Amino acid sequence: MAQGIGRPDHSIRQVATMLVATALTATGCQTMATTRGSDAAPSAEAPDRIVADWPLRFMRHNFGIATYAVQEYRVVYADRPYSGGLRPALADVHPNSLKATGAGHITIRNFPPPVEVKWKSRDGTPLEAEVDIGEIFKDELVVHETPREEMSEYTPMINPDVVMEINDRTINVYMRAFISLKAPRVEGNPHSDYRRDLVLAWSRTY
């Protein structure tokens, strides 16, 4: 009788062990599948990519000025004044001076009233002008020279620089936008994977 009772107990232990092992194996497989699925799924917190829209547009911009060959100037845009005295000609300063001009007034909502400009040209002639940034960029398209196929999908939302140059009797308006690229422009330089071209958008001589 003792042997007969012992065999069923042994069988029950075997079945229980097999059930536990099966449950652990199934749990392990489910965990692995969930992990792979999480890695493949896009993050809900991933930022929007402006590159999804073409052509590129902007809702805010930055503003800066560059002055050359003038005796004095005063500029007002978006309630911020700029002024200064005698400025040398562009040919007499560093060749990268214009390209390096910053846009210190940032994230201006499109578009304030026109820029008010008063200045004296190289020969001392007093001049005045209103430059309507909103009219120049009325379609809110980013002015740039980057082909779409070269642009990285990780290009962030663009707030381009609008740079106004006062040069003797001429006013030029440029746009400069930071655009990420899929590959570096310079071979061997991983930090050259972007463009910030200064592109002429408007010009007038007074």
C-alpha atoms as a PDB file:
ATOM      1  CA  MET A   1       0.000   0.000   0.000  1.00  0.00           C
ATOM      2  CA  ALA A   2       2.867   2.349   0.828  1.00  0.00           C
ATOM      3  CA  GLN A   3       4.350   1.821  -2.630  1.00  0.00           C
ATOM      4  CA  GLY A   4       0.981   2.326  -4.331  1.00  0.00           C
ATOM      5  CA  ILE A   5       0.442   5.606  -2.523  1.00  0.00           C
ATOM      6  CA  GLY A   6       3.998   6.832  -3.266  1.00  0.00           C
ATOM      7  CA  ARG A   7       3.706   6.512  -7.041  1.00  0.00           C
ATOM      8  CA  PRO A   8       0.768   8.948  -7.420  1.00  0.00           C
ATOM      9  CA  ASP A   9       2.601  11.501  -5.227  1.00  0.00           C
ATOM     10  CA  HIS A  10       5.645  11.220  -7.443  1.00  0.00           C
ATOM     11  CA  SER A  11       3.521  11.684 -10.576  1.00  0.00           C
ATOM     12  CA  ILE A  12       1.814  14.758  -9.107  1.00  0.00           C
ATOM     13  CA  ARG A  13       5.202  16.331  -8.334  1.00  0.00           C
ATOM     14  CA  GLN A  14       6.353  15.682 -11.901  1.00  0.00           C
ATOM     15  CA  VAL A  15       3.225  17.288 -13.366  1.00  0.00           C
ATOM     16  CA  ALA A  16       3.544  20.311 -11.074  1.00  0.00           C
ATOM     17  CA  THR A  17       7.197  20.765 -12.030  1.00  0.00           C
ATOM     18  CA  MET A  18       6.341  20.606 -15.738  1.00  0.00           C
ATOM     19  CA  LEU A  19       3.531  23.171 -15.313  1.00  0.00           C
ATOM     20  CA  VAL A  20       5.830  25.623 -13.502  1.00  0.00           C
ATOM     21  CA  ALA A  21       8.543  25.219 -16.139  1.00  0.00           C
ATOM     22  CA  THR A  22       6.016  25.764 -18.927  1.00  0.00           C
ATOM     23  CA  ALA A  23       4.665  28.893 -17.236  1.00  0.00           C
ATOM     24  CA  LEU A  24       8.175  30.325 -16.775  1.00  0.00           C
ATOM     25  CA  THR A  25       9.059  29.586 -20.388  1.00  0.00           C
ATOM     26  CA  ALA A  26       5.888  31.266 -21.680  1.00  0.00           C
ATOM     27  CA  THR A  27       6.482  34.282 -19.442  1.00  0.00           C
ATOM     28  CA  GLY A  28      10.041  34.597 -20.696  1.00  0.00           C
ATOM     29  CA  CYS A  29       8.951  34.504 -24.340  1.00  0.00           C
ATOM     30  CA  GLN A  30       6.259  37.068 -23.737  1.00  0.00           C
ATOM     31  CA  THR A  31       8.753  39.414 -22.061  1.00  0.00           C
ATOM     32  CA  MET A  32      11.194  39.148 -24.948  1.00  0.00           C
ATOM     33  CA  ALA A  33       8.459  39.812 -27.504  1.00  0.00           C
ATOM     34  CA  THR A  34       7.288  42.877 -25.588  1.00  0.00           C
ATOM     35  CA  THR A  35      10.824  44.250 -25.426  1.00  0.00           C
ATOM     36  CA  ARG A  36      11.381  43.885 -29.162  1.00  0.00           C
ATOM     37  CA  GLY A  37       8.029  45.494 -29.880  1.00  0.00           C
ATOM     38  CA  SER A  38       8.878  48.471 -27.639  1.00  0.00           C
ATOM     39  CA  ASP A  39      12.183  49.003 -29.395  1.00  0.00           C
ATOM     40  CA  ALA A  40      10.512  49.040 -32.801  1.00  0.00           C
ATOM     41  CA  ALA A  41       7.552  51.230 -31.888  1.00  0.00           C
ATOM     42  CA  PRO A  42       7.928  55.011 -32.404  1.00  0.00           C
ATOM     43  CA  SER A  43       8.015  57.129 -29.267  1.00  0.00           C
ATOM     44  CA  ALA A  44       4.871  59.079 -28.507  1.00  0.00           C
ATOM     45  CA  GLU A  45       7.114  61.898 -27.309  1.00  0.00           C
ATOM     46  CA  ALA A  46       9.080  62.187 -30.579  1.00  0.00           C
ATOM     47  CA  PRO A  47       9.124  65.858 -31.705  1.00  0.00           C
ATOM     48  CA  ASP A  48       7.346  66.972 -34.857  1.00  0.00           C
ATOM     49  CA  ARG A  49       9.613  67.275 -37.896  1.00  0.00           C
ATOM     50  CA  ILE A  50       9.182  70.331 -40.087  1.00  0.00           C
ATOM     51  CA  VAL A  51      10.776  68.330 -42.907  1.00  0.00           C
ATOM     52  CA  ALA A  52       7.406  66.602 -43.278  1.00  0.00           C
ATOM     53  CA  ASP A  53       6.163  69.814 -44.896  1.00  0.00           C
ATOM     54  CA  TRP A  54       7.567  71.012 -48.187  1.00  0.00           C
ATOM     55  CA  PRO A  55       8.350  73.747 -48.955  1.00  0.00           C
ATOM     56  CA  LEU A  56       9.624  74.732 -45.510  1.00  0.00           C
ATOM     57  CA  ARG A  57       7.658  77.391 -43.648  1.00  0.00           C
ATOM     58  CA  PHE A  58       8.242  79.506 -40.562  1.00  0.00           C
ATOM     59  CA  MET A  59       6.004  81.199 -38.004  1.00  0.00           C
ATOM     60  CA  ARG A  60       8.659  83.154 -36.107  1.00  0.00           C
ATOM     61  CA  HIS A  61      11.949  84.728 -37.106  1.00  0.00           C
ATOM     62  CA  ASN A  62      15.030  86.431 -35.681  1.00  0.00           C
ATOM     63  CA  PHE A  63      16.302  89.861 -36.752  1.00  0.00           C
ATOM     64  CA  GLY A  64      19.686  91.550 -37.022  1.00  0.00           C
ATOM     65  CA  ILE A  65      21.368  94.331 -38.995  1.00  0.00           C
ATOM     66  CA  ALA A  66      24.708  94.966 -40.684  1.00  0.00           C
ATOM     67  CA  THR A  67      25.852  98.451 -41.707  1.00  0.00           C
ATOM     68  CA  TYR A  68      28.595  99.520 -44.114  1.00  0.00           C
ATOM     69  CA  ALA A  69      29.697 102.768 -45.747  1.00  0.00           C
ATOM     70  CA  VAL A  70      27.304 104.972 -43.782  1.00  0.00           C
ATOM     71  CA  GLN A  71      27.896 108.017 -41.612  1.00  0.00           C
ATOM     72  CA  GLU A  72      25.117 107.187 -39.161  1.00  0.00           C
ATOM     73  CA  TYR A  73      21.944 105.125 -38.944  1.00  0.00           C
ATOM     74  CA  ARG A  74      18.850 104.423 -36.870  1.00  0.00           C
ATOM     75  CA  VAL A  75      16.657 101.344 -37.344  1.00  0.00           C
ATOM     76  CA  VAL A  76      13.480 100.322 -35.484  1.00  0.00           C
ATOM     77  CA  TYR A  77      11.846  96.913 -35.881  1.00  0.00           C
ATOM     78  CA  ALA A  78       9.445  95.068 -33.593  1.00  0.00           C
ATOM     79  CA  ASP A  79       9.794  97.891 -31.039  1.00  0.00           C
ATOM     80  CA  ARG A  80      13.574  97.487 -30.798  1.00  0.00           C
ATOM     81  CA  PRO A  81      15.867 100.360 -31.873  1.00  0.00           C
ATOM     82  CA  TYR A  82      19.333 100.021 -33.406  1.00  0.00           C
ATOM     83  CA  SER A  83      21.645 102.994 -33.983  1.00  0.00           C
ATOM     84  CA  GLY A  84      25.265 103.841 -34.638  1.00  0.00           C
ATOM     85  CA  GLY A  85      27.771 106.210 -36.177  1.00  0.00           C
ATOM     86  CA  LEU A  86      30.351 106.064 -38.938  1.00  0.00           C
ATOM     87  CA  ARG A  87      30.793 102.617 -40.453  1.00  0.00           C
ATOM     88  CA  PRO A  88      33.526 101.469 -42.889  1.00  0.00           C
ATOM     89  CA  ALA A  89      32.821  99.970 -46.302  1.00  0.00           C
ATOM     90  CA  LEU A  90      32.327  96.228 -46.575  1.00  0.00           C
ATOM     91  CA  ALA A  91      35.532  95.992 -48.610  1.00  0.00           C
ATOM     92  CA  ASP A  92      37.469  97.461 -45.667  1.00  0.00           C
ATOM     93  CA  VAL A  93      36.379  94.923 -43.049  1.00  0.00           C
ATOM     94  CA  HIS A  94      36.786  91.156 -42.675  1.00  0.00           C
ATOM     95  CA  PRO A  95      35.431  89.342 -45.765  1.00  0.00           C
ATOM     96  CA  ASN A  96      33.188  87.165 -43.560  1.00  0.00           C
ATOM     97  CA  SER A  97      31.737  90.143 -41.712  1.00  0.00           C
ATOM     98  CA  LEU A  98      28.325  90.025 -43.389  1.00  0.00           C
ATOM     99  CA  LYS A  99      27.988  86.225 -43.157  1.00  0.00           C
ATOM    100  CA  ALA A 100      28.836  86.375 -39.465  1.00  0.00           C
ATOM    101  CA  THR A 101      26.203  89.004 -38.659  1.00  0.00           C
ATOM    102  CA  GLY A 102      24.062  87.804 -35.792  1.00  0.00           C
ATOM    103  CA  ALA A 103      20.317  88.144 -35.276  1.00  0.00           C
ATOM    104  CA  GLY A 104      20.071  89.101 -31.626  1.00  0.00           C
ATOM    105  CA  HIS A 105      16.357  89.884 -31.587  1.00  0.00           C
ATOM    106  CA  ILE A 106      14.880  86.385 -31.547  1.00  0.00           C
ATOM    107  CA  THR A 107      11.525  84.583 -31.961  1.00  0.00           C
ATOM    108  CA  ILE A 108       9.610  87.521 -33.442  1.00  0.00           C
ATOM    109  CA  ARG A 109       6.069  86.494 -34.382  1.00  0.00           C
ATOM    110  CA  ASN A 110       5.315  86.975 -38.102  1.00  0.00           C
ATOM    111  CA  PHE A 111       4.987  89.914 -38.794  1.00  0.00           C
ATOM    112  CA  PRO A 112       5.436  93.303 -37.049  1.00  0.00           C
ATOM    113  CA  PRO A 113       4.976  96.643 -38.893  1.00  0.00           C
ATOM    114  CA  PRO A 114       7.646  97.575 -41.477  1.00  0.00           C
ATOM    115  CA  VAL A 115      11.213  98.372 -40.450  1.00  0.00           C
ATOM    116  CA  GLU A 116      11.822 102.118 -40.107  1.00  0.00           C
ATOM    117  CA  VAL A 117      15.241 103.115 -41.414  1.00  0.00           C
ATOM    118  CA  LYS A 118      16.931 106.507 -41.279  1.00  0.00           C
ATOM    119  CA  TRP A 119      20.568 106.869 -42.286  1.00  0.00           C
ATOM    120  CA  LYS A 120      23.202 108.990 -43.987  1.00  0.00           C
ATOM    121  CA  SER A 121      24.978 107.447 -46.949  1.00  0.00           C
ATOM    122  CA  ARG A 122      28.723 107.506 -47.488  1.00  0.00           C
ATOM    123  CA  ASP A 123      28.564 111.046 -48.931  1.00  0.00           C
ATOM    124  CA  GLY A 124      26.346 112.333 -46.108  1.00  0.00           C
ATOM    125  CA  THR A 125      22.991 112.297 -47.951  1.00  0.00           C
ATOM    126  CA  PRO A 126      20.131 111.804 -45.452  1.00  0.00           C
ATOM    127  CA  LEU A 127      17.852 108.930 -46.469  1.00  0.00           C
ATOM    128  CA  GLU A 128      14.693 107.303 -45.096  1.00  0.00           C
ATOM    129  CA  ALA A 129      12.914 104.066 -45.932  1.00  0.00           C
ATOM    130  CA  GLU A 130      10.308 101.624 -44.710  1.00  0.00           C
ATOM    131  CA  VAL A 131      11.126  97.994 -45.409  1.00  0.00           C
ATOM    132  CA  ASP A 132       8.160  95.655 -45.061  1.00  0.00           C
ATOM    133  CA  ILE A 133       9.544  92.313 -43.879  1.00  0.00           C
ATOM    134  CA  GLY A 134       6.028  90.883 -43.866  1.00  0.00           C
ATOM    135  CA  GLU A 135       5.578  91.730 -47.560  1.00  0.00           C
ATOM    136  CA  ILE A 136       8.981  90.330 -48.547  1.00  0.00           C
ATOM    137  CA  PHE A 137       8.203  87.003 -46.830  1.00  0.00           C
ATOM    138  CA  LYS A 138       4.401  87.108 -47.091  1.00  0.00           C
ATOM    139  CA  ASP A 139       4.181  83.438 -48.072  1.00  0.00           C
ATOM    140  CA  GLU A 140       6.151  82.522 -44.892  1.00  0.00           C
ATOM    141  CA  LEU A 141       8.440  80.245 -46.898  1.00  0.00           C
ATOM    142  CA  VAL A 142      11.993  79.662 -45.689  1.00  0.00           C
ATOM    143  CA  VAL A 143      14.464  81.002 -48.254  1.00  0.00           C
ATOM    144  CA  HIS A 144      17.325  78.486 -48.480  1.00  0.00           C
ATOM    145  CA  GLU A 145      19.546  76.583 -50.927  1.00  0.00           C
ATOM    146  CA  THR A 146      19.301  73.039 -49.540  1.00  0.00           C
ATOM    147  CA  PRO A 147      17.850  70.347 -51.843  1.00  0.00           C
ATOM    148  CA  ARG A 148      15.099  68.338 -50.201  1.00  0.00           C
ATOM    149  CA  GLU A 149      16.892  65.032 -50.777  1.00  0.00           C
ATOM    150  CA  GLU A 150      19.906  66.289 -48.777  1.00  0.00           C
ATOM    151  CA  MET A 151      17.889  67.467 -45.788  1.00  0.00           C
ATOM    152  CA  SER A 152      17.831  65.322 -42.665  1.00  0.00           C
ATOM    153  CA  GLU A 153      14.501  64.164 -41.267  1.00  0.00           C
ATOM    154  CA  TYR A 154      15.759  65.465 -37.929  1.00  0.00           C
ATOM    155  CA  THR A 155      15.739  69.096 -39.061  1.00  0.00           C
ATOM    156  CA  PRO A 156      14.018  70.933 -36.183  1.00  0.00           C
ATOM    157  CA  MET A 157      11.343  73.603 -36.410  1.00  0.00           C
ATOM    158  CA  ILE A 158      13.007  76.565 -38.141  1.00  0.00           C
ATOM    159  CA  ASN A 159      13.097  80.133 -36.831  1.00  0.00           C
ATOM    160  CA  PRO A 160      15.264  81.718 -39.564  1.00  0.00           C
ATOM    161  CA  ASP A 161      17.419  84.813 -39.222  1.00  0.00           C
ATOM    162  CA  VAL A 162      16.358  87.873 -41.191  1.00  0.00           C
ATOM    163  CA  VAL A 163      19.425  90.083 -41.686  1.00  0.00           C
ATOM    164  CA  MET A 164      19.120  93.629 -43.017  1.00  0.00           C
ATOM    165  CA  GLU A 165      22.221  95.157 -44.583  1.00  0.00           C
ATOM    166  CA  ILE A 166      22.484  98.938 -45.024  1.00  0.00           C
ATOM    167  CA  ASN A 167      25.323  99.556 -47.443  1.00  0.00           C
ATOM    168  CA  ASP A 168      25.784 103.189 -48.585  1.00  0.00           C
ATOM    169  CA  ARG A 169      22.512 103.828 -50.508  1.00  0.00           C
ATOM    170  CA  THR A 170      21.426 100.188 -50.767  1.00  0.00           C
ATOM    171  CA  ILE A 171      19.380  98.077 -48.381  1.00  0.00           C
ATOM    172  CA  ASN A 172      19.559  94.284 -48.743  1.00  0.00           C
ATOM    173  CA  VAL A 173      17.438  91.760 -46.842  1.00  0.00           C
ATOM    174  CA  TYR A 174      18.754  88.219 -46.385  1.00  0.00           C
ATOM    175  CA  MET A 175      17.464  85.043 -44.792  1.00  0.00           C
ATOM    176  CA  ARG A 176      19.591  82.436 -43.045  1.00  0.00           C
ATOM    177  CA  ALA A 177      18.168  79.129 -41.791  1.00  0.00           C
ATOM    178  CA  PHE A 178      19.852  76.279 -39.930  1.00  0.00           C
ATOM    179  CA  ILE A 179      19.100  73.060 -41.823  1.00  0.00           C
ATOM    180  CA  SER A 180      20.407  69.629 -40.790  1.00  0.00           C
ATOM    181  CA  LEU A 181      21.782  67.360 -43.505  1.00  0.00           C
ATOM    182  CA  LYS A 182      21.737  63.586 -43.945  1.00  0.00           C
ATOM    183  CA  ALA A 183      25.506  63.546 -44.471  1.00  0.00           C
ATOM    184  CA  PRO A 184      28.419  65.917 -43.722  1.00  0.00           C
ATOM    185  CA  ARG A 185      29.297  68.461 -46.430  1.00  0.00           C
ATOM    186  CA  VAL A 186      33.013  68.001 -45.735  1.00  0.00           C
ATOM    187  CA  GLU A 187      34.347  64.436 -45.895  1.00  0.00           C
ATOM    188  CA  GLY A 188      35.853  63.395 -42.580  1.00  0.00           C
ATOM    189  CA  ASN A 189      34.228  66.261 -40.650  1.00  0.00           C
ATOM    190  CA  PRO A 190      31.130  64.960 -38.839  1.00  0.00           C
ATOM    191  CA  HIS A 191      30.372  68.492 -37.584  1.00  0.00           C
ATOM    192  CA  SER A 192      29.645  69.766 -41.110  1.00  0.00           C
ATOM    193  CA  ASP A 193      26.238  68.069 -41.316  1.00  0.00           C
ATOM    194  CA  TYR A 194      24.251  71.297 -41.676  1.00  0.00           C
ATOM    195  CA  ARG A 195      23.849  74.430 -43.813  1.00  0.00           C
ATOM    196  CA  ARG A 196      23.343  78.062 -42.767  1.00  0.00           C
ATOM    197  CA  ASP A 197      23.504  79.883 -46.093  1.00  0.00           C
ATOM    198  CA  LEU A 198      22.875  83.638 -46.119  1.00  0.00           C
ATOM    199  CA  VAL A 199      20.494  84.041 -49.071  1.00  0.00           C
ATOM    200  CA  LEU A 200      19.539  87.402 -50.597  1.00  0.00           C
ATOM    201  CA  ALA A 201      15.744  87.829 -50.628  1.00  0.00           C
ATOM    202  CA  TRP A 202      15.260  91.537 -51.462  1.00  0.00           C
ATOM    203  CA  SER A 203      17.309  94.605 -52.473  1.00  0.00           C
ATOM    204  CA  ARG A 204      16.708  98.282 -53.227  1.00  0.00           C
ATOM    205  CA  THR A 205      18.945 101.279 -53.881  1.00  0.00           C
ATOM    206  CA  TYR A 206      17.769 104.728 -52.783  1.00  0.00           C
END
